[in-house]
Amino acid sequence: MYYSIDLRQRVVDFVRGGGSKSEASRRFKVSLWCVFDWLKRGDLRPQKVTRRHRKLDWEALRTHVQVYLDARLKERSEHFSDAYPCYLVCFAAHETDL
């Protein structure tokens, strides 16, 4: 959920002014996690979310799908050293629109 920079600043100012983190969470109706996160950040602007690093290389999966069109999920899983169960390969294929 996106919170305004003004709200974020008011929460930070409240805690730095002597209020507790849990009280700030209740008073401003934000999660305690947000309070902790905003306090440790220097810049309160929303951060753009990027795809996190995955154990399974999605580009390698995309290449494998293009080269071996008829391969089954189990064969794809075995190609990636059996370290990835079929459901993970299926999820990655779905997320990358393969």
Protein backbone atom coordinates (compact mmCIF):
# COMPACT_ATOMS: atom_id res chain seq x y z
CA MET A 1 0.00 0.00 0.00
CA TYR A 2 1.22 3.48 -0.80
CA TYR A 3 1.32 6.02 2.02
CA SER A 4 1.89 9.74 1.44
CA ILE A 5 5.28 11.21 2.21
CA ASP A 6 3.56 13.62 4.60
CA LEU A 7 2.14 10.73 6.65
CA ARG A 8 5.47 8.96 6.67
CA GLN A 9 7.19 12.12 7.92
CA ARG A 10 4.59 12.63 10.66
CA VAL A 11 5.12 9.05 11.88
CA VAL A 12 8.90 9.47 11.93
CA ASP A 13 8.65 12.85 13.68
CA PHE A 14 6.29 11.37 16.29
CA VAL A 15 8.70 8.56 17.18
CA ARG A 16 11.78 10.76 17.13
CA GLY A 17 9.92 13.23 19.32
CA GLY A 18 9.60 10.62 22.07
CA GLY A 19 6.56 8.56 21.06
CA SER A 20 6.74 4.80 20.96
CA LYS A 21 6.77 2.86 17.72
CA SER A 22 3.69 0.84 18.67
CA GLU A 23 1.79 4.00 19.60
CA ALA A 24 2.72 5.56 16.25
CA SER A 25 1.46 2.43 14.53
CA ARG A 26 -1.90 2.64 16.32
CA ARG A 27 -2.29 6.41 16.10
CA PHE A 28 -1.52 6.71 12.38
CA LYS A 29 -3.10 3.35 11.45
CA VAL A 30 0.00 1.92 9.75
CA SER A 31 1.73 -1.38 10.36
CA LEU A 32 4.52 -1.62 12.87
CA TRP A 33 6.73 -2.90 10.06
CA CYS A 34 6.19 0.40 8.18
CA VAL A 35 7.19 2.40 11.26
CA PHE A 36 10.44 0.45 11.65
CA ASP A 37 11.14 0.68 7.90
CA TRP A 38 10.57 4.43 7.69
CA LEU A 39 12.76 5.07 10.73
CA LYS A 40 15.76 3.28 9.25
CA ARG A 41 15.44 4.87 5.81
CA GLY A 42 16.94 8.23 4.93
CA ASP A 43 14.59 8.91 2.04
CA LEU A 44 10.89 8.48 2.75
CA ARG A 45 9.81 8.47 -0.88
CA PRO A 46 8.29 5.18 -2.09
CA GLN A 47 10.85 2.81 -3.51
CA LYS A 48 10.33 1.15 -6.85
CA VAL A 49 10.05 -2.60 -6.38
CA THR A 50 12.36 -4.60 -8.59
CA ARG A 51 12.35 -8.31 -9.19
CA ARG A 52 14.44 -9.96 -6.56
CA HIS A 53 17.26 -12.33 -7.37
CA ARG A 54 15.96 -15.86 -7.68
CA LYS A 55 17.81 -19.12 -7.36
CA LEU A 56 16.37 -20.25 -10.66
CA ASP A 57 17.72 -18.16 -13.54
CA TRP A 58 14.55 -17.14 -15.40
CA GLU A 59 16.48 -16.15 -18.51
CA ALA A 60 18.04 -19.61 -18.66
CA LEU A 61 14.56 -21.08 -18.31
CA ARG A 62 13.28 -18.85 -21.11
CA THR A 63 16.14 -20.00 -23.36
CA HIS A 64 15.51 -23.64 -22.44
CA VAL A 65 11.82 -23.29 -23.34
CA GLN A 66 12.67 -21.74 -26.71
CA VAL A 67 15.17 -24.46 -27.56
CA TYR A 68 13.21 -27.44 -26.18
CA LEU A 69 9.58 -26.61 -26.91
CA ASP A 70 8.26 -30.13 -26.21
CA ALA A 71 10.05 -30.68 -22.90
CA ARG A 72 7.90 -31.51 -19.90
CA LEU A 73 8.15 -29.82 -16.52
CA LYS A 74 9.94 -32.82 -15.02
CA GLU A 75 12.53 -32.71 -17.82
CA ARG A 76 12.99 -28.97 -17.32
CA SER A 77 13.43 -29.53 -13.60
CA GLU A 78 16.04 -32.21 -14.27
CA HIS A 79 17.82 -29.90 -16.70
CA PHE A 80 18.26 -27.40 -13.88
CA SER A 81 20.08 -30.04 -11.79
CA ASP A 82 17.01 -31.39 -9.98
CA ALA A 83 17.51 -28.61 -7.45
CA TYR A 84 14.18 -27.10 -8.44
CA PRO A 85 10.95 -29.02 -8.06
CA CYS A 86 8.47 -29.04 -10.94
CA TYR A 87 6.16 -26.57 -9.25
CA LEU A 88 8.96 -23.98 -9.07
CA VAL A 89 9.73 -24.37 -12.77
CA CYS A 90 6.00 -24.11 -13.51
CA PHE A 91 5.73 -20.95 -11.38
CA ALA A 92 8.72 -19.33 -13.08
CA ALA A 93 7.32 -20.19 -16.51
CA HIS A 94 3.98 -18.67 -15.55
CA GLU A 95 5.57 -15.50 -14.13
CA THR A 96 7.65 -14.94 -17.25
CA ASP A 97 4.68 -15.57 -19.57
CA LEU A 98 6.25 -18.60 -21.25
